[in-house]
Amino acid sequence: MIIVIGRVLAKSNSLAELLDLSLEHVRRSRTEPGCLSHAVHQDAENPLRLVFLEEWADYASLQEHFRVPASRAFVGAARALAAEPPTINSYDANPLKF
């Protein structure tokens, strides 16, 4: 499983628009093959920071997600609304068994 964590800090006057775009992106992404979960959260300590948490079945599914035109459009829009460059990190993970 691939875990993705993304962060974007909104400009104070762009939070509502960025949140709307983020929710649209998350809901669309959930329908893609290989997407196990996709969510956006608002940071409790800094409400201008949005944090994305994603789970993908494999790296190929994530790569395909990045090739979707709507995903690339979202990244461009998020950059334009951000106070600083967004960050994204991916991790290869295995579920813990207890």
PDB file of N, CA and C in Angstrom:
ATOM      1  N   MET A   1       0.860  -1.171   0.000  1.00  0.00           N
ATOM      2  CA  MET A   1       0.000   0.000   0.000  1.00  0.00           C
ATOM      3  C   MET A   1       0.904   1.230   0.000  1.00  0.00           C
ATOM      4  N   ILE A   2       0.474   2.255  -0.703  1.00  0.00           N
ATOM      5  CA  ILE A   2       1.195   3.519  -0.755  1.00  0.00           C
ATOM      6  C   ILE A   2       0.396   4.558   0.032  1.00  0.00           C
ATOM      7  N   ILE A   3       1.068   5.242   0.939  1.00  0.00           N
ATOM      8  CA  ILE A   3       0.463   6.316   1.727  1.00  0.00           C
ATOM      9  C   ILE A   3       0.998   7.639   1.180  1.00  0.00           C
ATOM     10  N   VAL A   4       0.121   8.589   0.974  1.00  0.00           N
ATOM     11  CA  VAL A   4       0.507   9.920   0.514  1.00  0.00           C
ATOM     12  C   VAL A   4       0.033  10.936   1.542  1.00  0.00           C
ATOM     13  N   ILE A   5       0.935  11.845   1.902  1.00  0.00           N
ATOM     14  CA  ILE A   5       0.590  12.960   2.780  1.00  0.00           C
ATOM     15  C   ILE A   5       0.967  14.241   2.047  1.00  0.00           C
ATOM     16  N   GLY A   6      -0.029  15.086   1.827  1.00  0.00           N
ATOM     17  CA  GLY A   6       0.194  16.372   1.172  1.00  0.00           C
ATOM     18  C   GLY A   6      -0.241  17.497   2.086  1.00  0.00           C
ATOM     19  N   ARG A   7       0.440  18.623   1.941  1.00  0.00           N
ATOM     20  CA  ARG A   7       0.096  19.794   2.761  1.00  0.00           C
ATOM     21  C   ARG A   7       0.096  21.037   1.882  1.00  0.00           C
ATOM     22  N   VAL A   8      -0.874  21.893   2.131  1.00  0.00           N
ATOM     23  CA  VAL A   8      -0.908  23.181   1.434  1.00  0.00           C
ATOM     24  C   VAL A   8      -1.388  24.239   2.425  1.00  0.00           C
ATOM     25  N   LEU A   9      -0.694  25.351   2.448  1.00  0.00           N
ATOM     26  CA  LEU A   9      -1.041  26.478   3.304  1.00  0.00           C
ATOM     27  C   LEU A   9      -1.731  27.530   2.444  1.00  0.00           C
ATOM     28  N   ALA A  10      -2.996  27.784   2.735  1.00  0.00           N
ATOM     29  CA  ALA A  10      -3.779  28.744   1.957  1.00  0.00           C
ATOM     30  C   ALA A  10      -3.417  30.176   2.333  1.00  0.00           C
ATOM     31  N   LYS A  11      -3.543  31.063   1.370  1.00  0.00           N
ATOM     32  CA  LYS A  11      -3.514  32.490   1.678  1.00  0.00           C
ATOM     33  C   LYS A  11      -4.795  32.780   2.463  1.00  0.00           C
ATOM     34  N   SER A  12      -4.757  33.758   3.326  1.00  0.00           N
ATOM     35  CA  SER A  12      -5.920  34.019   4.181  1.00  0.00           C
ATOM     36  C   SER A  12      -7.186  34.320   3.372  1.00  0.00           C
ATOM     37  N   ASN A  13      -7.024  34.889   2.194  1.00  0.00           N
ATOM     38  CA  ASN A  13      -8.197  35.232   1.385  1.00  0.00           C
ATOM     39  C   ASN A  13      -8.575  34.129   0.390  1.00  0.00           C
ATOM     40  N   SER A  14      -7.868  32.987   0.438  1.00  0.00           N
ATOM     41  CA  SER A  14      -8.156  31.927  -0.534  1.00  0.00           C
ATOM     42  C   SER A  14      -8.608  30.620   0.108  1.00  0.00           C
ATOM     43  N   LEU A  15      -8.752  30.593   1.428  1.00  0.00           N
ATOM     44  CA  LEU A  15      -9.069  29.340   2.110  1.00  0.00           C
ATOM     45  C   LEU A  15     -10.376  28.721   1.620  1.00  0.00           C
ATOM     46  N   ALA A  16     -11.426  29.476   1.528  1.00  0.00           N
ATOM     47  CA  ALA A  16     -12.728  28.924   1.131  1.00  0.00           C
ATOM     48  C   ALA A  16     -12.651  28.309  -0.267  1.00  0.00           C
ATOM     49  N   GLU A  17     -12.020  29.007  -1.187  1.00  0.00           N
ATOM     50  CA  GLU A  17     -11.897  28.489  -2.552  1.00  0.00           C
ATOM     51  C   GLU A  17     -11.024  27.235  -2.577  1.00  0.00           C
ATOM     52  N   LEU A  18      -9.915  27.260  -1.853  1.00  0.00           N
ATOM     53  CA  LEU A  18      -9.019  26.108  -1.820  1.00  0.00           C
ATOM     54  C   LEU A  18      -9.709  24.906  -1.179  1.00  0.00           C
ATOM     55  N   LEU A  19     -10.475  25.134  -0.134  1.00  0.00           N
ATOM     56  CA  LEU A  19     -11.198  24.037   0.510  1.00  0.00           C
ATOM     57  C   LEU A  19     -12.237  23.436  -0.439  1.00  0.00           C
ATOM     58  N   ASP A  20     -12.971  24.268  -1.154  1.00  0.00           N
ATOM     59  CA  ASP A  20     -13.948  23.770  -2.129  1.00  0.00           C
ATOM     60  C   ASP A  20     -13.269  22.932  -3.212  1.00  0.00           C
ATOM     61  N   LEU A  21     -12.165  23.445  -3.765  1.00  0.00           N
ATOM     62  CA  LEU A  21     -11.432  22.703  -4.793  1.00  0.00           C
ATOM     63  C   LEU A  21     -10.878  21.396  -4.243  1.00  0.00           C
ATOM     64  N   SER A  22     -10.406  21.434  -3.000  1.00  0.00           N
ATOM     65  CA  SER A  22      -9.841  20.240  -2.370  1.00  0.00           C
ATOM     66  C   SER A  22     -10.903  19.162  -2.184  1.00  0.00           C
ATOM     67  N   LEU A  23     -12.072  19.540  -1.723  1.00  0.00           N
ATOM     68  CA  LEU A  23     -13.149  18.567  -1.542  1.00  0.00           C
ATOM     69  C   LEU A  23     -13.572  17.961  -2.878  1.00  0.00           C
ATOM     70  N   GLU A  24     -13.643  18.786  -3.911  1.00  0.00           N
ATOM     71  CA  GLU A  24     -13.968  18.288  -5.252  1.00  0.00           C
ATOM     72  C   GLU A  24     -12.901  17.281  -5.713  1.00  0.00           C
ATOM     73  N   HIS A  25     -11.641  17.628  -5.498  1.00  0.00           N
ATOM     74  CA  HIS A  25     -10.535  16.750  -5.892  1.00  0.00           C
ATOM     75  C   HIS A  25     -10.589  15.415  -5.126  1.00  0.00           C
ATOM     76  N   VAL A  26     -10.806  15.484  -3.823  1.00  0.00           N
ATOM     77  CA  VAL A  26     -10.867  14.280  -2.993  1.00  0.00           C
ATOM     78  C   VAL A  26     -12.007  13.376  -3.456  1.00  0.00           C
ATOM     79  N   ARG A  27     -13.171  13.933  -3.661  1.00  0.00           N
ATOM     80  CA  ARG A  27     -14.340  13.125  -4.042  1.00  0.00           C
ATOM     81  C   ARG A  27     -14.133  12.470  -5.405  1.00  0.00           C
ATOM     82  N   ARG A  28     -13.517  13.190  -6.341  1.00  0.00           N
ATOM     83  CA  ARG A  28     -13.243  12.621  -7.656  1.00  0.00           C
ATOM     84  C   ARG A  28     -12.181  11.531  -7.557  1.00  0.00           C
ATOM     85  N   SER A  29     -11.142  11.798  -6.777  1.00  0.00           N
ATOM     86  CA  SER A  29     -10.039  10.839  -6.649  1.00  0.00           C
ATOM     87  C   SER A  29     -10.490   9.514  -6.057  1.00  0.00           C
ATOM     88  N   ARG A  30     -11.451   9.553  -5.173  1.00  0.00           N
ATOM     89  CA  ARG A  30     -11.947   8.320  -4.545  1.00  0.00           C
ATOM     90  C   ARG A  30     -12.523   7.343  -5.557  1.00  0.00           C
ATOM     91  N   THR A  31     -12.926   7.823  -6.714  1.00  0.00           N
ATOM     92  CA  THR A  31     -13.525   6.958  -7.735  1.00  0.00           C
ATOM     93  C   THR A  31     -12.476   6.311  -8.637  1.00  0.00           C
ATOM     94  N   GLU A  32     -11.215   6.688  -8.495  1.00  0.00           N
ATOM     95  CA  GLU A  32     -10.166   6.174  -9.373  1.00  0.00           C
ATOM     96  C   GLU A  32      -9.759   4.758  -8.976  1.00  0.00           C
ATOM     97  N   PRO A  33      -9.391   3.947  -9.975  1.00  0.00           N
ATOM     98  CA  PRO A  33      -8.911   2.591  -9.669  1.00  0.00           C
ATOM     99  C   PRO A  33      -7.691   2.639  -8.750  1.00  0.00           C
ATOM    100  N   GLY A  34      -7.690   1.793  -7.748  1.00  0.00           N
ATOM    101  CA  GLY A  34      -6.560   1.704  -6.834  1.00  0.00           C
ATOM    102  C   GLY A  34      -6.608   2.652  -5.656  1.00  0.00           C
ATOM    103  N   CYS A  35      -7.564   3.578  -5.630  1.00  0.00           N
ATOM    104  CA  CYS A  35      -7.682   4.498  -4.495  1.00  0.00           C
ATOM    105  C   CYS A  35      -8.427   3.784  -3.367  1.00  0.00           C
ATOM    106  N   LEU A  36      -7.727   3.595  -2.258  1.00  0.00           N
ATOM    107  CA  LEU A  36      -8.332   2.944  -1.096  1.00  0.00           C
ATOM    108  C   LEU A  36      -8.993   3.955  -0.176  1.00  0.00           C
ATOM    109  N   SER A  37      -8.398   5.147  -0.074  1.00  0.00           N
ATOM    110  CA  SER A  37      -9.005   6.252   0.671  1.00  0.00           C
ATOM    111  C   SER A  37      -8.321   7.547   0.253  1.00  0.00           C
ATOM    112  N   HIS A  38      -9.057   8.627   0.395  1.00  0.00           N
ATOM    113  CA  HIS A  38      -8.547   9.947   0.001  1.00  0.00           C
ATOM    114  C   HIS A  38      -9.336  10.973   0.806  1.00  0.00           C
ATOM    115  N   ALA A  39      -8.625  11.781   1.606  1.00  0.00           N
ATOM    116  CA  ALA A  39      -9.317  12.740   2.471  1.00  0.00           C
ATOM    117  C   ALA A  39      -8.496  14.005   2.602  1.00  0.00           C
ATOM    118  N   VAL A  40      -9.189  15.087   2.920  1.00  0.00           N
ATOM    119  CA  VAL A  40      -8.537  16.358   3.239  1.00  0.00           C
ATOM    120  C   VAL A  40      -8.998  16.774   4.632  1.00  0.00           C
ATOM    121  N   HIS A  41      -8.048  17.300   5.421  1.00  0.00           N
ATOM    122  CA  HIS A  41      -8.323  17.714   6.795  1.00  0.00           C
ATOM    123  C   HIS A  41      -7.802  19.127   7.003  1.00  0.00           C
ATOM    124  N   GLN A  42      -8.472  19.865   7.854  1.00  0.00           N
ATOM    125  CA  GLN A  42      -8.035  21.209   8.210  1.00  0.00           C
ATOM    126  C   GLN A  42      -7.272  21.134   9.533  1.00  0.00           C
ATOM    127  N   ASP A  43      -6.066  21.677   9.538  1.00  0.00           N
ATOM    128  CA  ASP A  43      -5.196  21.633  10.719  1.00  0.00           C
ATOM    129  C   ASP A  43      -5.867  22.385  11.879  1.00  0.00           C
ATOM    130  N   ALA A  44      -5.960  21.744  13.041  1.00  0.00           N
ATOM    131  CA  ALA A  44      -6.598  22.354  14.215  1.00  0.00           C
ATOM    132  C   ALA A  44      -5.781  23.501  14.786  1.00  0.00           C
ATOM    133  N   GLU A  45      -4.462  23.483  14.591  1.00  0.00           N
ATOM    134  CA  GLU A  45      -3.604  24.552  15.111  1.00  0.00           C
ATOM    135  C   GLU A  45      -3.418  25.694  14.127  1.00  0.00           C
ATOM    136  N   ASN A  46      -3.531  25.399  12.837  1.00  0.00           N
ATOM    137  CA  ASN A  46      -3.413  26.428  11.806  1.00  0.00           C
ATOM    138  C   ASN A  46      -4.490  26.167  10.758  1.00  0.00           C
ATOM    139  N   PRO A  47      -5.670  26.756  10.899  1.00  0.00           N
ATOM    140  CA  PRO A  47      -6.790  26.477  10.000  1.00  0.00           C
ATOM    141  C   PRO A  47      -6.519  26.796   8.529  1.00  0.00           C
ATOM    142  N   LEU A  48      -5.459  27.543   8.241  1.00  0.00           N
ATOM    143  CA  LEU A  48      -5.124  27.816   6.843  1.00  0.00           C
ATOM    144  C   LEU A  48      -4.408  26.630   6.192  1.00  0.00           C
ATOM    145  N   ARG A  49      -3.951  25.661   7.008  1.00  0.00           N
ATOM    146  CA  ARG A  49      -3.234  24.507   6.460  1.00  0.00           C
ATOM    147  C   ARG A  49      -4.199  23.351   6.232  1.00  0.00           C
ATOM    148  N   LEU A  50      -4.192  22.858   4.999  1.00  0.00           N
ATOM    149  CA  LEU A  50      -4.967  21.667   4.652  1.00  0.00           C
ATOM    150  C   LEU A  50      -3.990  20.503   4.518  1.00  0.00           C
ATOM    151  N   VAL A  51      -4.392  19.351   5.035  1.00  0.00           N
ATOM    152  CA  VAL A  51      -3.563  18.155   4.999  1.00  0.00           C
ATOM    153  C   VAL A  51      -4.350  17.059   4.281  1.00  0.00           C
ATOM    154  N   PHE A  52      -3.713  16.469   3.293  1.00  0.00           N
ATOM    155  CA  PHE A  52      -4.320  15.390   2.521  1.00  0.00           C
ATOM    156  C   PHE A  52      -3.721  14.072   2.973  1.00  0.00           C
ATOM    157  N   LEU A  53      -4.577  13.087   3.190  1.00  0.00           N
ATOM    158  CA  LEU A  53      -4.143  11.752   3.544  1.00  0.00           C
ATOM    159  C   LEU A  53      -4.772  10.783   2.548  1.00  0.00           C
ATOM    160  N   GLU A  54      -3.906  10.045   1.853  1.00  0.00           N
ATOM    161  CA  GLU A  54      -4.367   9.145   0.799  1.00  0.00           C
ATOM    162  C   GLU A  54      -3.769   7.758   1.000  1.00  0.00           C
ATOM    163  N   GLU A  55      -4.527   6.748   0.597  1.00  0.00           N
ATOM    164  CA  GLU A  55      -4.040   5.375   0.554  1.00  0.00           C
ATOM    165  C   GLU A  55      -4.318   4.823  -0.837  1.00  0.00           C
ATOM    166  N   TRP A  56      -3.263   4.293  -1.454  1.00  0.00           N
ATOM    167  CA  TRP A  56      -3.365   3.724  -2.801  1.00  0.00           C
ATOM    168  C   TRP A  56      -2.939   2.270  -2.769  1.00  0.00           C
ATOM    169  N   ALA A  57      -3.559   1.440  -3.585  1.00  0.00           N
ATOM    170  CA  ALA A  57      -3.264   0.010  -3.610  1.00  0.00           C
ATOM    171  C   ALA A  57      -1.812  -0.256  -3.988  1.00  0.00           C
ATOM    172  N   ASP A  58      -1.278   0.553  -4.908  1.00  0.00           N
ATOM    173  CA  ASP A  58       0.092   0.347  -5.376  1.00  0.00           C
ATOM    174  C   ASP A  58       0.595   1.633  -6.036  1.00  0.00           C
ATOM    175  N   TYR A  59       1.878   1.637  -6.312  1.00  0.00           N
ATOM    176  CA  TYR A  59       2.505   2.819  -6.890  1.00  0.00           C
ATOM    177  C   TYR A  59       1.978   3.107  -8.300  1.00  0.00           C
ATOM    178  N   ALA A  60       1.656   2.065  -9.061  1.00  0.00           N
ATOM    179  CA  ALA A  60       1.119   2.260 -10.409  1.00  0.00           C
ATOM    180  C   ALA A  60      -0.201   3.039 -10.372  1.00  0.00           C
ATOM    181  N   SER A  61      -1.050   2.730  -9.409  1.00  0.00           N
ATOM    182  CA  SER A  61      -2.328   3.455  -9.268  1.00  0.00           C
ATOM    183  C   SER A  61      -2.078   4.919  -8.930  1.00  0.00           C
ATOM    184  N   LEU A  62      -1.117   5.180  -8.062  1.00  0.00           N
ATOM    185  CA  LEU A  62      -0.790   6.560  -7.705  1.00  0.00           C
ATOM    186  C   LEU A  62      -0.245   7.308  -8.914  1.00  0.00           C
ATOM    187  N   GLN A  63       0.634   6.681  -9.669  1.00  0.00           N
ATOM    188  CA  GLN A  63       1.186   7.321 -10.865  1.00  0.00           C
ATOM    189  C   GLN A  63       0.078   7.655 -11.865  1.00  0.00           C
ATOM    190  N   GLU A  64      -0.871   6.745 -12.014  1.00  0.00           N
ATOM    191  CA  GLU A  64      -1.997   7.002 -12.921  1.00  0.00           C
ATOM    192  C   GLU A  64      -2.835   8.182 -12.412  1.00  0.00           C
ATOM    193  N   HIS A  65      -3.014   8.262 -11.102  1.00  0.00           N
ATOM    194  CA  HIS A  65      -3.731   9.388 -10.495  1.00  0.00           C
ATOM    195  C   HIS A  65      -3.059  10.716 -10.859  1.00  0.00           C
ATOM    196  N   PHE A  66      -1.737  10.746 -10.818  1.00  0.00           N
ATOM    197  CA  PHE A  66      -1.007  11.971 -11.148  1.00  0.00           C
ATOM    198  C   PHE A  66      -1.142  12.336 -12.626  1.00  0.00           C
ATOM    199  N   ARG A  67      -1.457  11.350 -13.478  1.00  0.00           N
ATOM    200  CA  ARG A  67      -1.610  11.623 -14.913  1.00  0.00           C
ATOM    201  C   ARG A  67      -3.013  12.102 -15.291  1.00  0.00           C
ATOM    202  N   VAL A  68      -3.967  11.964 -14.386  1.00  0.00           N
ATOM    203  CA  VAL A  68      -5.345  12.399 -14.675  1.00  0.00           C
ATOM    204  C   VAL A  68      -5.344  13.919 -14.844  1.00  0.00           C
ATOM    205  N   PRO A  69      -5.871  14.430 -15.969  1.00  0.00           N
ATOM    206  CA  PRO A  69      -5.860  15.880 -16.190  1.00  0.00           C
ATOM    207  C   PRO A  69      -6.480  16.687 -15.050  1.00  0.00           C
ATOM    208  N   ALA A  70      -7.550  16.182 -14.450  1.00  0.00           N
ATOM    209  CA  ALA A  70      -8.184  16.912 -13.342  1.00  0.00           C
ATOM    210  C   ALA A  70      -7.268  16.981 -12.123  1.00  0.00           C
ATOM    211  N   SER A  71      -6.459  15.955 -11.910  1.00  0.00           N
ATOM    212  CA  SER A  71      -5.503  15.988 -10.790  1.00  0.00           C
ATOM    213  C   SER A  71      -4.430  17.032 -11.039  1.00  0.00           C
ATOM    214  N   ARG A  72      -3.926  17.082 -12.252  1.00  0.00           N
ATOM    215  CA  ARG A  72      -2.901  18.079 -12.582  1.00  0.00           C
ATOM    216  C   ARG A  72      -3.477  19.490 -12.510  1.00  0.00           C
ATOM    217  N   ALA A  73      -4.730  19.655 -12.921  1.00  0.00           N
ATOM    218  CA  ALA A  73      -5.376  20.967 -12.832  1.00  0.00           C
ATOM    219  C   ALA A  73      -5.536  21.387 -11.376  1.00  0.00           C
ATOM    220  N   PHE A  74      -5.887  20.429 -10.507  1.00  0.00           N
ATOM    221  CA  PHE A  74      -6.025  20.742  -9.092  1.00  0.00           C
ATOM    222  C   PHE A  74      -4.702  21.228  -8.509  1.00  0.00           C
ATOM    223  N   VAL A  75      -3.612  20.547  -8.822  1.00  0.00           N
ATOM    224  CA  VAL A  75      -2.300  20.938  -8.298  1.00  0.00           C
ATOM    225  C   VAL A  75      -1.964  22.363  -8.734  1.00  0.00           C
ATOM    226  N   GLY A  76      -2.235  22.691  -9.986  1.00  0.00           N
ATOM    227  CA  GLY A  76      -1.980  24.051 -10.466  1.00  0.00           C
ATOM    228  C   GLY A  76      -2.824  25.083  -9.742  1.00  0.00           C
ATOM    229  N   ALA A  77      -4.089  24.776  -9.535  1.00  0.00           N
ATOM    230  CA  ALA A  77      -4.982  25.701  -8.832  1.00  0.00           C
ATOM    231  C   ALA A  77      -4.558  25.859  -7.378  1.00  0.00           C
ATOM    232  N   ALA A  78      -4.182  24.747  -6.738  1.00  0.00           N
ATOM    233  CA  ALA A  78      -3.751  24.802  -5.336  1.00  0.00           C
ATOM    234  C   ALA A  78      -2.491  25.650  -5.195  1.00  0.00           C
ATOM    235  N   ARG A  79      -1.564  25.495  -6.114  1.00  0.00           N
ATOM    236  CA  ARG A  79      -0.342  26.313  -6.068  1.00  0.00           C
ATOM    237  C   ARG A  79      -0.671  27.798  -6.150  1.00  0.00           C
ATOM    238  N   ALA A  80      -1.618  28.143  -7.002  1.00  0.00           N
ATOM    239  CA  ALA A  80      -1.988  29.553  -7.185  1.00  0.00           C
ATOM    240  C   ALA A  80      -2.652  30.139  -5.943  1.00  0.00           C
ATOM    241  N   LEU A  81      -3.317  29.298  -5.162  1.00  0.00           N
ATOM    242  CA  LEU A  81      -4.029  29.756  -3.969  1.00  0.00           C
ATOM    243  C   LEU A  81      -3.196  29.627  -2.694  1.00  0.00           C
ATOM    244  N   ALA A  82      -2.011  29.043  -2.813  1.00  0.00           N
ATOM    245  CA  ALA A  82      -1.186  28.746  -1.640  1.00  0.00           C
ATOM    246  C   ALA A  82      -0.278  29.916  -1.265  1.00  0.00           C
ATOM    247  N   ALA A  83      -0.012  30.018   0.040  1.00  0.00           N
ATOM    248  CA  ALA A  83       0.892  31.038   0.561  1.00  0.00           C
ATOM    249  C   ALA A  83       2.355  30.613   0.414  1.00  0.00           C
ATOM    250  N   GLU A  84       2.580  29.309   0.218  1.00  0.00           N
ATOM    251  CA  GLU A  84       3.923  28.756   0.031  1.00  0.00           C
ATOM    252  C   GLU A  84       3.770  27.494  -0.815  1.00  0.00           C
ATOM    253  N   PRO A  85       4.845  26.987  -1.391  1.00  0.00           N
ATOM    254  CA  PRO A  85       4.706  25.787  -2.226  1.00  0.00           C
ATOM    255  C   PRO A  85       4.136  24.605  -1.440  1.00  0.00           C
ATOM    256  N   PRO A  86       3.134  23.926  -1.988  1.00  0.00           N
ATOM    257  CA  PRO A  86       2.593  22.734  -1.351  1.00  0.00           C
ATOM    258  C   PRO A  86       3.663  21.637  -1.270  1.00  0.00           C
ATOM    259  N   THR A  87       3.492  20.701  -0.343  1.00  0.00           N
ATOM    260  CA  THR A  87       4.395  19.559  -0.235  1.00  0.00           C
ATOM    261  C   THR A  87       3.602  18.273  -0.383  1.00  0.00           C
ATOM    262  N   ILE A  88       4.274  17.262  -0.890  1.00  0.00           N
ATOM    263  CA  ILE A  88       3.658  15.946  -1.015  1.00  0.00           C
ATOM    264  C   ILE A  88       4.748  14.904  -0.795  1.00  0.00           C
ATOM    265  N   ASN A  89       4.421  13.901   0.013  1.00  0.00           N
ATOM    266  CA  ASN A  89       5.346  12.806   0.300  1.00  0.00           C
ATOM    267  C   ASN A  89       4.583  11.499   0.176  1.00  0.00           C
ATOM    268  N   SER A  90       5.279  10.475  -0.323  1.00  0.00           N
ATOM    269  CA  SER A  90       4.659   9.151  -0.412  1.00  0.00           C
ATOM    270  C   SER A  90       5.523   8.145   0.329  1.00  0.00           C
ATOM    271  N   TYR A  91       4.854   7.113   0.854  1.00  0.00           N
ATOM    272  CA  TYR A  91       5.502   6.091   1.659  1.00  0.00           C
ATOM    273  C   TYR A  91       4.961   4.729   1.265  1.00  0.00           C
ATOM    274  N   ASP A  92       5.835   3.766   1.141  1.00  0.00           N
ATOM    275  CA  ASP A  92       5.424   2.385   0.911  1.00  0.00           C
ATOM    276  C   ASP A  92       5.175   1.777   2.287  1.00  0.00           C
ATOM    277  N   ALA A  93       3.970   1.317   2.535  1.00  0.00           N
ATOM    278  CA  ALA A  93       3.603   0.863   3.875  1.00  0.00           C
ATOM    279  C   ALA A  93       2.990  -0.535   3.847  1.00  0.00           C
ATOM    280  N   ASN A  94       3.151  -1.215   4.940  1.00  0.00           N
ATOM    281  CA  ASN A  94       2.527  -2.509   5.145  1.00  0.00           C
ATOM    282  C   ASN A  94       1.695  -2.438   6.409  1.00  0.00           C
ATOM    283  N   PRO A  95       0.479  -2.985   6.382  1.00  0.00           N
ATOM    284  CA  PRO A  95      -0.350  -2.959   7.586  1.00  0.00           C
ATOM    285  C   PRO A  95       0.313  -3.725   8.732  1.00  0.00           C
ATOM    286  N   LEU A  96       0.172  -3.218   9.933  1.00  0.00           N
ATOM    287  CA  LEU A  96       0.652  -3.911  11.124  1.00  0.00           C
ATOM    288  C   LEU A  96      -0.324  -5.011  11.479  1.00  0.00           C
ATOM    289  N   LYS A  97       0.214  -6.139  11.900  1.00  0.00           N
ATOM    290  CA  LYS A  97      -0.632  -7.256  12.324  1.00  0.00           C
ATOM    291  C   LYS A  97      -0.399  -7.487  13.801  1.00  0.00           C
ATOM    292  N   PHE A  98      -1.475  -7.462  14.555  1.00  0.00           N
ATOM    293  CA  PHE A  98      -1.390  -7.648  16.002  1.00  0.00           C
ATOM    294  C   PHE A  98      -1.883  -9.015  16.386  1.00  0.00           C
TER     295      PHE A  98
END
